[in-house]
Amino acid sequence: MKRLLFLLPLFAFVVLAGYLALGLTKDPHVLPSVLIDQEVPPFDLPPIKGREAGFRRDDLLGQVSLVNIFGSWCVACRIEHPFLMRIKEERRVPLHGIDWREETLEAGPAWLARFGDPYTLIGDDPRSVAAIAFGVTGAPETFVVDKRGFIRYKHIGPLTPEVWEKTIGPMIEELRRQ
């Protein structure tokens, strides 16, 4: 019996180490989303300062589009921004933005004025209304939305040419054919 008590901590350590090792094999960018293949939840955001129109759920109907969650405070958003500008220049797909949790009304518009504005429509989301509806865990996050307004894919982290070529670009082409 004493031997069994002596081996119990070792057994617990082995089980815990196994769980941790299994966790290290998973891609941290792939987080399950309950909204995949679900309709975009209703939202209606006001425009950011300097824009006339805001952004609402109905704006996503009729064409495949991307929704990008960003903020001027977000370091990773700065990393992905040149690629977003490229998407706009090449007119690959309508790109809509949700300016999330800015400290002031001027922060987001000033950031876009400095680095460029790739967005067709932008909504201001200071209270995380749309971010919560989309199930956002942090910025940047980008969603692929089909013509009927259903979320088909969620990408966590900066968009890159590699992510575009391997995943998002082919998905958009397939959704356009449907």
Protein backbone atom coordinates (compact mmCIF):
# COMPACT_ATOMS: atom_id res chain seq x y z
CA MET A 1 0.00 0.00 0.00
CA LYS A 2 2.89 2.36 0.82
CA ARG A 3 4.38 1.74 -2.62
CA LEU A 4 1.07 2.67 -4.26
CA LEU A 5 0.97 5.96 -2.34
CA PHE A 6 4.57 6.59 -3.37
CA LEU A 7 3.74 6.07 -7.08
CA LEU A 8 0.54 8.17 -7.04
CA PRO A 9 2.34 11.56 -7.52
CA LEU A 10 4.41 10.07 -10.33
CA PHE A 11 1.26 8.76 -12.03
CA ALA A 12 -0.44 12.18 -11.67
CA PHE A 13 2.62 13.86 -13.16
CA VAL A 14 2.65 11.52 -16.18
CA VAL A 15 -1.06 12.13 -16.86
CA LEU A 16 -0.64 15.91 -16.58
CA ALA A 17 2.45 15.87 -18.81
CA GLY A 18 0.50 13.87 -21.41
CA TYR A 19 -2.30 16.46 -21.49
CA LEU A 20 0.19 19.30 -21.79
CA ALA A 21 2.09 17.55 -24.58
CA LEU A 22 -1.17 17.00 -26.48
CA GLY A 23 -2.01 20.69 -26.12
CA LEU A 24 1.33 21.68 -27.63
CA THR A 25 0.49 19.81 -30.84
CA LYS A 26 -2.53 22.05 -31.57
CA ASP A 27 -2.39 25.18 -33.72
CA PRO A 28 -3.18 28.21 -31.49
CA HIS A 29 -4.66 30.06 -34.48
CA VAL A 30 -7.36 27.44 -34.91
CA LEU A 31 -10.01 28.08 -32.32
CA PRO A 32 -13.41 26.54 -32.84
CA SER A 33 -16.18 29.04 -33.39
CA VAL A 34 -19.80 28.18 -32.76
CA LEU A 35 -20.72 30.74 -35.43
CA ILE A 36 -19.18 28.86 -38.38
CA ASP A 37 -22.01 28.08 -40.84
CA GLN A 38 -24.34 30.29 -38.80
CA GLU A 39 -25.96 33.54 -39.88
CA VAL A 40 -24.12 36.70 -38.86
CA PRO A 41 -25.85 37.94 -35.71
CA PRO A 42 -27.70 41.26 -36.02
CA PHE A 43 -25.65 44.42 -35.44
CA ASP A 44 -25.94 48.05 -36.48
CA LEU A 45 -22.85 50.15 -35.82
CA PRO A 46 -22.51 53.91 -36.24
CA PRO A 47 -19.83 55.26 -38.59
CA ILE A 48 -16.41 56.19 -37.32
CA LYS A 49 -15.65 59.89 -37.21
CA GLY A 50 -15.28 61.27 -40.74
CA ARG A 51 -17.44 58.61 -42.42
CA GLU A 52 -21.08 59.09 -43.38
CA ALA A 53 -22.23 55.48 -43.27
CA GLY A 54 -21.85 52.93 -40.51
CA PHE A 55 -21.89 49.17 -40.87
CA ARG A 56 -24.72 46.74 -40.20
CA ARG A 57 -25.51 43.10 -40.76
CA ASP A 58 -27.63 43.73 -43.87
CA ASP A 59 -24.59 45.25 -45.63
CA LEU A 60 -23.17 41.72 -45.84
CA LEU A 61 -25.97 40.31 -47.98
CA GLY A 62 -25.58 39.70 -51.71
CA GLN A 63 -21.82 39.22 -52.05
CA VAL A 64 -18.98 37.31 -50.45
CA SER A 65 -17.08 39.64 -48.16
CA LEU A 66 -14.58 39.89 -45.32
CA VAL A 67 -15.17 41.47 -41.93
CA ASN A 68 -12.00 42.56 -40.14
CA ILE A 69 -11.92 43.46 -36.45
CA PHE A 70 -9.17 46.00 -35.74
CA GLY A 71 -8.09 48.77 -33.39
CA SER A 72 -5.46 51.49 -33.45
CA TRP A 73 -4.10 50.05 -30.18
CA CYS A 74 -3.54 46.62 -31.76
CA VAL A 75 0.09 45.84 -32.65
CA ALA A 76 -0.82 42.81 -34.77
CA CYS A 77 -3.31 44.97 -36.71
CA ARG A 78 -0.40 47.13 -37.79
CA ILE A 79 1.39 44.02 -39.06
CA GLU A 80 -1.53 42.92 -41.22
CA HIS A 81 -2.49 46.39 -42.46
CA PRO A 82 -0.22 46.49 -45.56
CA PHE A 83 -1.80 43.24 -46.75
CA LEU A 84 -5.30 44.66 -46.21
CA MET A 85 -4.30 47.64 -48.35
CA ARG A 86 -3.21 45.17 -51.04
CA ILE A 87 -6.61 43.44 -50.89
CA LYS A 88 -8.25 46.81 -51.48
CA GLU A 89 -5.90 47.81 -54.32
CA GLU A 90 -6.39 44.49 -56.10
CA ARG A 91 -10.15 44.58 -55.48
CA ARG A 92 -10.10 40.98 -54.39
CA VAL A 93 -13.16 41.13 -52.15
CA PRO A 94 -15.17 43.77 -50.26
CA LEU A 95 -13.43 44.32 -46.94
CA HIS A 96 -15.46 45.78 -44.09
CA GLY A 97 -14.04 46.88 -40.76
CA ILE A 98 -15.16 47.01 -37.17
CA ASP A 99 -13.12 49.55 -35.20
CA TRP A 100 -13.09 47.93 -31.79
CA ARG A 101 -12.66 49.51 -28.36
CA GLU A 102 -10.86 52.74 -29.17
CA GLU A 103 -10.00 55.05 -26.29
CA THR A 104 -11.21 58.14 -28.18
CA LEU A 105 -13.44 58.83 -31.18
CA GLU A 106 -10.40 60.17 -33.06
CA ALA A 107 -8.02 57.22 -32.50
CA GLY A 108 -9.32 54.88 -35.23
CA PRO A 109 -9.81 57.53 -37.93
CA ALA A 110 -6.36 59.02 -37.20
CA TRP A 111 -4.76 55.57 -37.48
CA LEU A 112 -6.48 54.97 -40.84
CA ALA A 113 -5.47 58.43 -42.08
CA ARG A 114 -1.86 57.62 -41.21
CA PHE A 115 -1.63 54.08 -42.62
CA GLY A 116 -4.41 54.02 -45.25
CA ASP A 117 -8.04 52.99 -45.26
CA PRO A 118 -8.70 49.59 -46.87
CA TYR A 119 -12.33 49.32 -45.76
CA THR A 120 -15.50 49.64 -47.83
CA LEU A 121 -17.60 50.18 -44.69
CA ILE A 122 -16.47 50.70 -41.11
CA GLY A 123 -18.49 50.61 -37.95
CA ASP A 124 -17.43 52.00 -34.59
CA ASP A 125 -17.75 49.42 -31.80
CA PRO A 126 -16.66 51.10 -28.54
CA ARG A 127 -18.81 48.83 -26.35
CA SER A 128 -18.03 45.54 -28.15
CA VAL A 129 -21.61 45.03 -29.35
CA ALA A 130 -20.59 43.56 -32.72
CA ALA A 131 -17.40 42.00 -31.34
CA ILE A 132 -19.44 40.00 -28.84
CA ALA A 133 -21.97 39.06 -31.55
CA PHE A 134 -19.11 37.72 -33.70
CA GLY A 135 -17.49 35.94 -30.75
CA VAL A 136 -14.27 37.93 -31.04
CA THR A 137 -11.49 36.93 -28.66
CA GLY A 138 -8.97 39.59 -29.69
CA ALA A 139 -7.82 41.74 -32.57
CA PRO A 140 -7.20 41.23 -35.38
CA GLU A 141 -9.77 38.68 -36.41
CA THR A 142 -11.19 38.28 -39.89
CA PHE A 143 -14.37 36.54 -40.95
CA VAL A 144 -15.35 35.23 -44.38
CA VAL A 145 -19.07 35.84 -44.94
CA ASP A 146 -20.99 34.29 -47.83
CA LYS A 147 -23.65 35.94 -50.05
CA ARG A 148 -26.47 34.90 -47.73
CA GLY A 149 -24.81 36.44 -44.66
CA PHE A 150 -23.46 33.23 -43.13
CA ILE A 151 -20.04 33.07 -41.47
CA ARG A 152 -17.94 30.48 -43.29
CA TYR A 153 -14.52 30.99 -41.74
CA LYS A 154 -12.82 32.78 -38.85
CA HIS A 155 -9.14 33.68 -38.94
CA ILE A 156 -7.46 34.75 -35.72
CA GLY A 157 -4.36 36.91 -36.02
CA PRO A 158 -2.91 38.95 -38.86
CA LEU A 159 -3.90 38.10 -42.43
CA THR A 160 -0.85 37.27 -44.50
CA PRO A 161 -0.28 36.38 -48.15
CA GLU A 162 0.30 32.77 -47.06
CA VAL A 163 -3.04 32.57 -45.23
CA TRP A 164 -4.71 34.18 -48.25
CA GLU A 165 -3.20 31.78 -50.78
CA LYS A 166 -3.75 28.60 -48.76
CA THR A 167 -7.11 29.24 -47.14
CA ILE A 168 -9.06 32.45 -47.59
CA GLY A 169 -8.56 33.12 -51.31
CA PRO A 170 -9.65 29.63 -52.44
CA MET A 171 -12.58 29.72 -50.02
CA ILE A 172 -13.79 33.05 -51.43
CA GLU A 173 -13.57 31.72 -54.99
CA GLU A 174 -15.55 28.62 -54.03
CA LEU A 175 -18.22 30.68 -52.27
CA ARG A 176 -18.55 32.96 -55.31
CA ARG A 177 -19.24 29.91 -57.52
CA GLN A 178 -22.03 28.69 -55.24
